[in-house]
């Protein structure tokens, strides 16, 4: 039988039983749409998470103090990082930039306006390490750090709370009662870190934060930027070994600092999203299997209703292969129609979610092809038994069927 004639007969059979065909195709539509939508959501989260991590700096290493305690119970964070440690890390091979960091929350005031925001004491190199950009004004300099200048960079959210639409550059604000000159406005970044909304951050020289504002001699963190293309794990090991020597940690004793590698966060996100894609994709394919059962149901009904037709066709010379291919084509047409409709529904729903919600979705062509191909395979698999049953009908018994 000509292939296009088989497709024509398949569509004629579908339209002959519109309601039954629609119900059978519905399972395939829902299954394909669910696979595409779920994978689009997972992929959208993956892109969002990677963008957030990369915005912090792919080559960044964070050196933080270890905890104190006994028996595996951490009681408090050690106060063992110093400015001298940060300066020593600058000499580690393949280290591009280093910034000491201290942080605390402060009460911020500008005349009658006031808010509470995280204040970070940093070196100017921190802006490069963390990929921060200045929207207006300028960054403070190394000279400002050396002379413990009272200068500040404002995050966009804090600037909006204090100044509204007015320009904050050149204005004086009070941080815990001390006056600071606003020299720059940080570009809006969005997202969050351990401090909450990153656009609420205020940056001041770390020397000013340590000696004038917070009154401490230790650092909360040391941020390090490695050279592009360098082995981050090797740099990490060298930093740990350096600080073990500086802190006089004996061989066999645990490290008193931790070095966090952002590349590990990327690997973690990749692993989590892969697992989520497999889990959600597996759940969604259940709908496709249900749709396949529906296809088998309608094909068995078609075989029963067209038993006499099958007998007549065999009587005039149709081979078993012709009957088999005819019903297989009909099963594939049903799954194909459902697959195409499911692709349109899944892609359209993903677009609507990305367009009218704060969460982005990302439809990959591979997921579309996977869902559609699986739908066609389901139609073929569940159509084999009804097709074989039709092909094996005895023509004499089929002609007698009423």
Protein backbone atom coordinates (compact mmCIF):
# COMPACT_ATOMS: atom_id res chain seq x y z
CA UNK A 1 0.00 0.00 0.00
CA UNK A 2 1.24 3.46 -0.83
CA UNK A 3 2.55 5.28 2.27
CA UNK A 4 0.55 8.45 1.69
CA UNK A 5 -2.61 6.41 1.14
CA UNK A 6 -2.02 4.75 4.53
CA UNK A 7 -1.73 8.16 6.19
CA UNK A 8 -4.91 9.32 4.44
CA UNK A 9 -6.82 6.28 5.70
CA UNK A 10 -5.37 6.85 9.20
CA UNK A 11 -6.69 10.42 9.33
CA UNK A 12 -10.06 9.28 8.00
CA UNK A 13 -10.25 6.73 10.81
CA UNK A 14 -9.37 9.42 13.38
CA UNK A 15 -12.06 11.80 12.17
CA UNK A 16 -14.62 9.02 12.08
CA UNK A 17 -14.40 8.78 15.91
CA UNK A 18 -13.50 12.31 16.94
CA UNK A 19 -14.26 12.07 20.66
CA UNK A 20 -12.51 8.75 21.16
CA UNK A 21 -9.51 9.88 19.14
CA UNK A 22 -9.28 13.16 21.07
CA UNK A 23 -9.31 11.38 24.41
CA UNK A 24 -6.60 8.99 23.22
CA UNK A 25 -4.43 11.77 21.83
CA UNK A 26 -4.89 13.86 25.00
CA UNK A 27 -2.58 11.63 27.02
CA UNK A 28 0.19 12.07 24.47
CA UNK A 29 -0.37 15.85 24.34
CA UNK A 30 -0.15 16.19 28.12
CA UNK A 31 2.89 13.93 28.31
CA UNK A 32 4.88 15.75 25.62
CA UNK A 33 3.93 19.18 26.99
CA UNK A 34 4.88 18.11 30.54
CA UNK A 35 8.30 16.82 29.43
CA UNK A 36 9.10 20.03 27.54
CA UNK A 37 7.79 22.32 30.29
CA UNK A 38 9.56 20.56 33.14
CA UNK A 39 12.87 20.41 31.29
CA UNK A 40 12.47 24.09 30.35
CA UNK A 41 11.94 25.02 34.00
CA UNK A 42 14.98 22.99 35.10
CA UNK A 43 17.10 24.46 32.32
CA UNK A 44 15.92 27.97 33.20
CA UNK A 45 16.93 27.46 36.82
CA UNK A 46 20.29 26.07 35.67
CA UNK A 47 21.02 29.16 33.54
CA UNK A 48 19.85 31.48 36.33
CA UNK A 49 22.04 29.78 38.95
CA UNK A 50 25.10 29.76 36.68
CA UNK A 51 24.64 33.45 35.85
CA UNK A 52 24.46 34.26 39.57
CA UNK A 53 27.58 32.23 40.36
CA UNK A 54 29.54 33.62 37.44
CA UNK A 55 28.58 37.15 38.43
CA UNK A 56 30.54 36.58 41.65
CA UNK A 57 33.65 35.64 39.65
CA UNK A 58 34.43 32.19 38.24
CA UNK A 59 38.08 32.37 39.34
CA UNK A 60 37.21 33.51 42.86
CA UNK A 61 38.29 31.72 46.01
CA UNK A 62 36.87 32.65 49.41
CA UNK A 63 39.12 32.05 52.43
CA UNK A 64 37.07 31.90 55.64
CA UNK A 65 38.00 30.96 59.23
CA UNK A 66 37.33 27.45 60.48
CA UNK A 67 35.29 26.65 63.55
CA UNK A 68 36.34 25.82 67.07
CA UNK A 69 34.97 22.99 69.16
CA UNK A 70 35.48 19.37 70.10
CA UNK A 71 33.97 16.02 69.18
CA UNK A 72 32.85 17.29 65.79
CA UNK A 73 30.67 20.01 67.35
CA UNK A 74 31.51 23.53 66.13
CA UNK A 75 30.93 26.08 68.88
CA UNK A 76 32.08 29.30 67.22
CA UNK A 77 34.03 30.72 64.30
CA UNK A 78 37.72 31.35 64.87
CA UNK A 79 39.22 34.83 64.64
CA UNK A 80 42.45 33.80 62.99
CA UNK A 81 42.57 35.69 59.64
CA UNK A 82 44.65 38.85 59.58
CA UNK A 83 45.56 41.54 57.09
CA UNK A 84 49.08 40.06 57.08
CA UNK A 85 47.58 36.73 55.94
CA UNK A 86 45.92 38.51 53.05
CA UNK A 87 49.18 40.21 52.07
CA UNK A 88 51.01 36.86 52.22
CA UNK A 89 48.45 35.25 49.89
CA UNK A 90 49.37 37.85 47.25
CA UNK A 91 52.68 36.01 46.82
CA UNK A 92 51.05 32.64 46.06
CA UNK A 93 51.68 31.64 42.39
CA UNK A 94 48.81 32.36 39.98
CA UNK A 95 47.01 34.66 42.44
CA UNK A 96 45.86 37.75 40.55
CA UNK A 97 44.21 39.85 43.27
CA UNK A 98 43.40 39.70 46.98
CA UNK A 99 40.98 41.65 49.16
CA UNK A 100 40.63 41.55 52.95
CA UNK A 101 36.98 41.68 54.04
CA UNK A 102 35.21 42.57 57.26
CA UNK A 103 31.46 42.95 57.51
CA UNK A 104 28.68 43.87 59.85
CA UNK A 105 25.23 45.44 59.76
CA UNK A 106 25.07 49.17 60.42
CA UNK A 107 22.46 51.87 60.96
CA UNK A 108 22.60 54.16 57.93
CA UNK A 109 21.22 57.72 58.07
CA UNK A 110 20.84 60.65 55.71
CA UNK A 111 19.02 63.48 57.50
CA UNK A 112 15.58 62.04 58.37
CA UNK A 113 15.99 58.96 56.21
CA UNK A 114 17.48 55.89 57.82
CA UNK A 115 17.81 52.19 57.13
CA UNK A 116 19.79 49.17 58.26
CA UNK A 117 22.16 47.65 55.71
CA UNK A 118 25.18 45.33 55.50
CA UNK A 119 28.49 47.24 55.53
CA UNK A 120 31.55 45.59 53.96
CA UNK A 121 35.09 46.76 54.58
CA UNK A 122 37.03 45.91 51.42
CA UNK A 123 40.07 46.73 49.34
CA UNK A 124 39.55 48.35 45.91
CA UNK A 125 40.54 45.01 44.34
CA UNK A 126 37.29 43.48 45.65
CA UNK A 127 35.33 45.26 42.92
CA UNK A 128 37.35 43.44 40.27
CA UNK A 129 37.26 40.10 42.10
CA UNK A 130 33.47 40.19 42.45
CA UNK A 131 32.77 41.78 39.03
CA UNK A 132 31.21 44.89 40.57
CA UNK A 133 30.59 47.93 38.37
CA UNK A 134 30.30 51.62 39.27
CA UNK A 135 27.23 53.29 37.78
CA UNK A 136 28.07 56.83 38.86
CA UNK A 137 30.96 58.43 40.67
CA UNK A 138 34.16 56.48 41.28
CA UNK A 139 35.62 53.77 43.49
CA UNK A 140 37.80 54.61 46.46
CA UNK A 141 41.53 54.01 46.00
CA UNK A 142 44.44 52.37 47.77
CA UNK A 143 45.36 55.76 49.20
CA UNK A 144 41.91 55.92 50.80
CA UNK A 145 42.62 52.55 52.39
CA UNK A 146 46.04 53.68 53.66
CA UNK A 147 44.67 56.81 55.31
CA UNK A 148 41.51 55.10 56.65
CA UNK A 149 39.35 57.54 54.71
CA UNK A 150 35.63 57.81 55.52
CA UNK A 151 34.36 57.18 52.00
CA UNK A 152 31.63 54.83 50.83
CA UNK A 153 30.14 53.13 47.81
CA UNK A 154 26.37 52.66 47.97
CA UNK A 155 24.33 49.81 46.60
CA UNK A 156 21.43 50.88 44.39
CA UNK A 157 18.71 49.69 46.81
CA UNK A 158 20.21 51.50 49.81
CA UNK A 159 20.75 54.63 47.72
CA UNK A 160 17.09 54.57 46.67
CA UNK A 161 15.97 54.20 50.31
CA UNK A 162 18.08 57.13 51.48
CA UNK A 163 18.04 59.50 48.51
CA UNK A 164 15.09 58.48 46.38
CA UNK A 165 15.71 59.82 42.88
CA UNK A 166 18.32 62.35 44.03
CA UNK A 167 22.01 61.91 43.21
CA UNK A 168 23.90 60.56 46.26
CA UNK A 169 27.37 61.37 44.90
CA UNK A 170 29.12 63.98 47.07
CA UNK A 171 26.60 63.63 49.92
CA UNK A 172 27.50 62.62 53.47
CA UNK A 173 25.77 59.75 55.22
CA UNK A 174 26.18 58.44 58.77
CA UNK A 175 27.08 54.82 59.43
CA UNK A 176 26.60 54.02 63.11
CA UNK A 177 27.07 57.70 63.89
CA UNK A 178 30.22 58.28 61.78
CA UNK A 179 30.13 60.52 58.69
CA UNK A 180 31.07 59.00 55.32
CA UNK A 181 31.35 60.74 51.94
CA UNK A 182 29.50 58.90 49.16
CA UNK A 183 31.97 58.71 46.27
CA UNK A 184 30.27 56.13 44.07
CA UNK A 185 27.02 54.33 43.29
CA UNK A 186 27.17 50.61 42.51
CA UNK A 187 25.37 49.34 39.45
CA UNK A 188 22.15 47.43 40.14
CA UNK A 189 22.97 43.75 40.24
CA UNK A 190 19.97 41.83 41.56
CA UNK A 191 20.04 38.53 43.41
CA UNK A 192 21.27 37.73 46.88
CA UNK A 193 24.24 36.40 48.79
CA UNK A 194 24.80 35.59 52.44
CA UNK A 195 23.98 39.23 53.28
CA UNK A 196 20.58 39.17 51.58
CA UNK A 197 19.90 41.62 48.78
CA UNK A 198 23.29 42.46 47.23
CA UNK A 199 21.99 45.87 46.12
CA UNK A 200 21.73 46.92 49.78
CA UNK A 201 25.48 46.54 50.36
CA UNK A 202 27.68 49.48 51.35
CA UNK A 203 31.41 49.26 50.67
CA UNK A 204 34.00 51.19 52.71
CA UNK A 205 37.81 50.78 53.05
CA UNK A 206 38.61 47.76 55.21
CA UNK A 207 41.03 49.80 57.33
CA UNK A 208 38.28 52.28 58.14
CA UNK A 209 35.87 49.47 58.96
CA UNK A 210 38.34 47.68 61.21
CA UNK A 211 39.78 50.65 63.13
CA UNK A 212 37.05 53.31 63.12
CA UNK A 213 33.74 51.50 62.72
CA UNK A 214 33.95 47.91 64.00
CA UNK A 215 36.98 48.03 66.28
CA UNK A 216 38.57 44.70 65.39
CA UNK A 217 41.98 43.34 64.38
CA UNK A 218 40.85 40.19 62.54
CA UNK A 219 39.21 39.63 59.15
CA UNK A 220 35.95 37.86 58.43
CA UNK A 221 37.07 36.68 55.01
CA UNK A 222 39.76 36.99 52.35
CA UNK A 223 38.63 36.96 48.73
CA UNK A 224 41.12 35.82 46.12
CA UNK A 225 41.02 36.01 42.32
CA UNK A 226 43.17 33.45 40.52
CA UNK A 227 44.66 34.08 37.09
CA UNK A 228 42.57 33.01 34.10
CA UNK A 229 43.30 29.42 33.09
CA UNK A 230 45.02 28.56 36.36
CA UNK A 231 44.38 25.36 38.31
CA UNK A 232 42.05 26.55 41.07
CA UNK A 233 42.52 23.39 43.10
CA UNK A 234 46.31 23.84 43.05
CA UNK A 235 45.97 27.50 44.11
CA UNK A 236 43.58 26.44 46.84
CA UNK A 237 46.02 23.85 48.20
CA UNK A 238 48.88 26.38 48.19
CA UNK A 239 46.78 28.92 50.12
CA UNK A 240 45.83 26.33 52.73
CA UNK A 241 49.46 25.22 53.10
CA UNK A 242 50.62 28.84 53.41
CA UNK A 243 48.09 29.62 56.13
CA UNK A 244 48.85 26.39 57.99
CA UNK A 245 52.49 27.45 58.14
CA UNK A 246 51.63 31.00 59.18
CA UNK A 247 49.22 29.81 61.88
CA UNK A 248 51.67 27.12 63.04
CA UNK A 249 49.27 24.21 62.53
CA UNK A 250 51.03 20.94 63.30
CA UNK A 251 51.01 18.06 60.77
CA UNK A 252 47.95 15.88 61.28
CA UNK A 253 45.88 18.65 62.89
CA UNK A 254 42.83 19.90 60.95
CA UNK A 255 42.97 23.09 58.89
CA UNK A 256 41.92 26.24 60.73
CA UNK A 257 40.60 27.87 57.51
CA UNK A 258 38.35 26.82 54.64
CA UNK A 259 38.84 27.82 51.01
CA UNK A 260 35.61 27.82 49.00
CA UNK A 261 35.94 27.35 45.25
CA UNK A 262 33.07 28.78 43.16
CA UNK A 263 33.84 26.20 40.48
CA UNK A 264 32.59 23.60 42.94
CA UNK A 265 29.30 25.48 43.19
CA UNK A 266 29.02 25.28 39.40
CA UNK A 267 29.63 21.52 39.52
CA UNK A 268 27.05 21.23 42.30
CA UNK A 269 24.45 23.17 40.29
CA UNK A 270 25.15 20.98 37.25
CA UNK A 271 24.70 17.84 39.33
CA UNK A 272 21.50 19.05 41.01
CA UNK A 273 19.87 20.20 37.78
CA UNK A 274 20.81 16.94 36.02
CA UNK A 275 19.18 14.95 38.81
CA UNK A 276 16.12 17.23 38.77
CA UNK A 277 15.83 16.89 34.98
CA UNK A 278 15.95 13.08 35.22
CA UNK A 279 13.44 12.98 38.08
CA UNK A 280 10.94 15.44 36.60
CA UNK A 281 11.39 14.03 33.10
CA UNK A 282 10.69 10.53 34.39
CA UNK A 283 7.52 11.73 36.11
CA UNK A 284 6.38 13.47 32.93
CA UNK A 285 6.96 10.38 30.76
CA UNK A 286 4.35 8.53 32.81
CA UNK A 287 1.76 10.66 31.02
CA UNK A 288 3.21 9.51 27.71
CA UNK A 289 2.92 5.89 28.78
CA UNK A 290 -0.70 6.53 29.77
CA UNK A 291 -1.21 8.07 26.35
CA UNK A 292 0.33 4.96 24.78
CA UNK A 293 -2.17 2.79 26.58
CA UNK A 294 -4.90 5.04 25.18
CA UNK A 295 -3.50 4.54 21.68
CA UNK A 296 -3.55 0.76 22.15
CA UNK A 297 -7.16 1.00 23.32
CA UNK A 298 -8.34 2.95 20.29
CA UNK A 299 -6.39 0.70 17.92
CA UNK A 300 -7.93 -2.44 19.40
CA UNK A 301 -11.35 -0.82 19.03
CA UNK A 302 -10.52 0.02 15.39
CA UNK A 303 -9.48 -3.56 14.71
CA UNK A 304 -12.74 -4.86 16.18
CA UNK A 305 -14.87 -2.36 14.22
CA UNK A 306 -13.03 -2.96 10.95
CA UNK A 307 -12.79 -6.72 11.10
CA UNK A 308 -15.02 -7.17 8.05
CA UNK A 309 -13.05 -4.49 6.16
CA UNK A 310 -9.82 -6.38 6.95
CA UNK A 311 -11.37 -9.61 5.65
CA UNK A 312 -12.44 -7.95 2.38
CA UNK A 313 -8.98 -6.44 1.85
CA UNK A 314 -7.33 -9.81 2.43
CA UNK A 315 -9.81 -11.48 0.11
CA UNK A 316 -8.82 -9.14 -2.74
CA UNK A 317 -5.10 -9.73 -2.24
CA UNK A 318 -3.88 -7.59 0.66
CA UNK A 319 -0.90 -9.18 2.40
CA UNK A 320 -0.42 -9.47 6.16
CA UNK A 321 2.38 -6.91 5.84
CA UNK A 322 -0.06 -4.43 4.22
CA UNK A 323 -2.53 -4.80 7.09
CA UNK A 324 0.26 -4.60 9.68
CA UNK A 325 1.76 -1.45 8.17
CA UNK A 326 -1.66 0.18 7.82
CA UNK A 327 -2.47 -0.10 11.53
CA UNK A 328 1.06 0.79 12.58
CA UNK A 329 0.85 3.95 10.48
CA UNK A 330 -2.44 4.82 12.14
CA UNK A 331 -0.88 4.40 15.61
CA UNK A 332 2.09 6.57 14.65
CA UNK A 333 -0.23 9.22 13.16
CA UNK A 334 -2.18 9.37 16.42
CA UNK A 335 1.00 9.74 18.48
CA UNK A 336 2.44 12.19 15.93
CA UNK A 337 -0.60 14.45 16.07
CA UNK A 338 -0.48 14.30 19.86
CA UNK A 339 3.28 14.94 19.83
CA UNK A 340 3.02 18.02 17.62
CA UNK A 341 0.14 19.39 19.67
CA UNK A 342 2.09 18.69 22.86
CA UNK A 343 5.16 20.50 21.49
CA UNK A 344 3.05 23.58 20.71
CA UNK A 345 1.42 23.45 24.16
CA UNK A 346 4.71 22.87 26.01
CA UNK A 347 6.68 25.55 24.18
CA UNK A 348 3.79 28.00 24.43
CA UNK A 349 3.33 27.42 28.16
CA UNK A 350 7.08 27.79 28.74
CA UNK A 351 7.05 31.09 26.84
CA UNK A 352 4.10 32.37 28.85
CA UNK A 353 5.81 31.49 32.15
CA UNK A 354 9.00 33.23 31.06
CA UNK A 355 7.08 36.23 29.73
CA UNK A 356 4.65 36.88 32.57
CA UNK A 357 6.49 35.56 35.66
CA UNK A 358 9.80 36.53 37.29
CA UNK A 359 11.15 33.04 36.61
CA UNK A 360 12.79 32.42 33.24
CA UNK A 361 12.38 29.20 31.28
CA UNK A 362 14.73 27.90 28.63
CA UNK A 363 13.36 25.51 25.98
CA UNK A 364 16.08 23.38 24.42
CA UNK A 365 15.67 21.84 20.99
CA UNK A 366 17.02 18.57 22.38
CA UNK A 367 14.12 18.36 24.86
CA UNK A 368 11.60 19.04 22.08
CA UNK A 369 13.11 16.34 19.86
CA UNK A 370 13.34 13.95 22.80
CA UNK A 371 9.70 14.42 23.77
CA UNK A 372 8.42 14.17 20.20
CA UNK A 373 10.63 11.17 19.39
CA UNK A 374 9.53 9.38 22.54
CA UNK A 375 5.88 10.06 21.66
CA UNK A 376 6.39 8.50 18.22
CA UNK A 377 8.15 5.52 19.82
CA UNK A 378 5.28 5.11 22.28
CA UNK A 379 2.79 5.09 19.41
CA UNK A 380 4.84 2.50 17.53
CA UNK A 381 5.30 0.30 20.62
CA UNK A 382 1.66 0.33 21.72
CA UNK A 383 0.44 -0.01 18.15
CA UNK A 384 2.35 -3.21 17.42
CA UNK A 385 -0.01 -5.57 19.24
CA UNK A 386 -3.26 -4.27 17.65
CA UNK A 387 -1.56 -4.21 14.23
CA UNK A 388 -0.30 -7.79 14.57
CA UNK A 389 -3.73 -8.87 15.74
CA UNK A 390 -5.32 -7.29 12.65
CA UNK A 391 -2.73 -8.84 10.32
CA UNK A 392 -3.31 -12.36 11.72
CA UNK A 393 -7.08 -12.29 11.27
CA UNK A 394 -8.33 -15.19 9.16
CA UNK A 395 -10.00 -13.64 6.08
CA UNK A 396 -12.91 -16.14 6.07
CA UNK A 397 -13.67 -15.56 9.75
CA UNK A 398 -13.31 -11.81 9.20
CA UNK A 399 -15.84 -11.86 6.33
CA UNK A 400 -18.32 -13.67 8.58
CA UNK A 401 -17.88 -11.06 11.35
CA UNK A 402 -20.91 -8.86 11.95
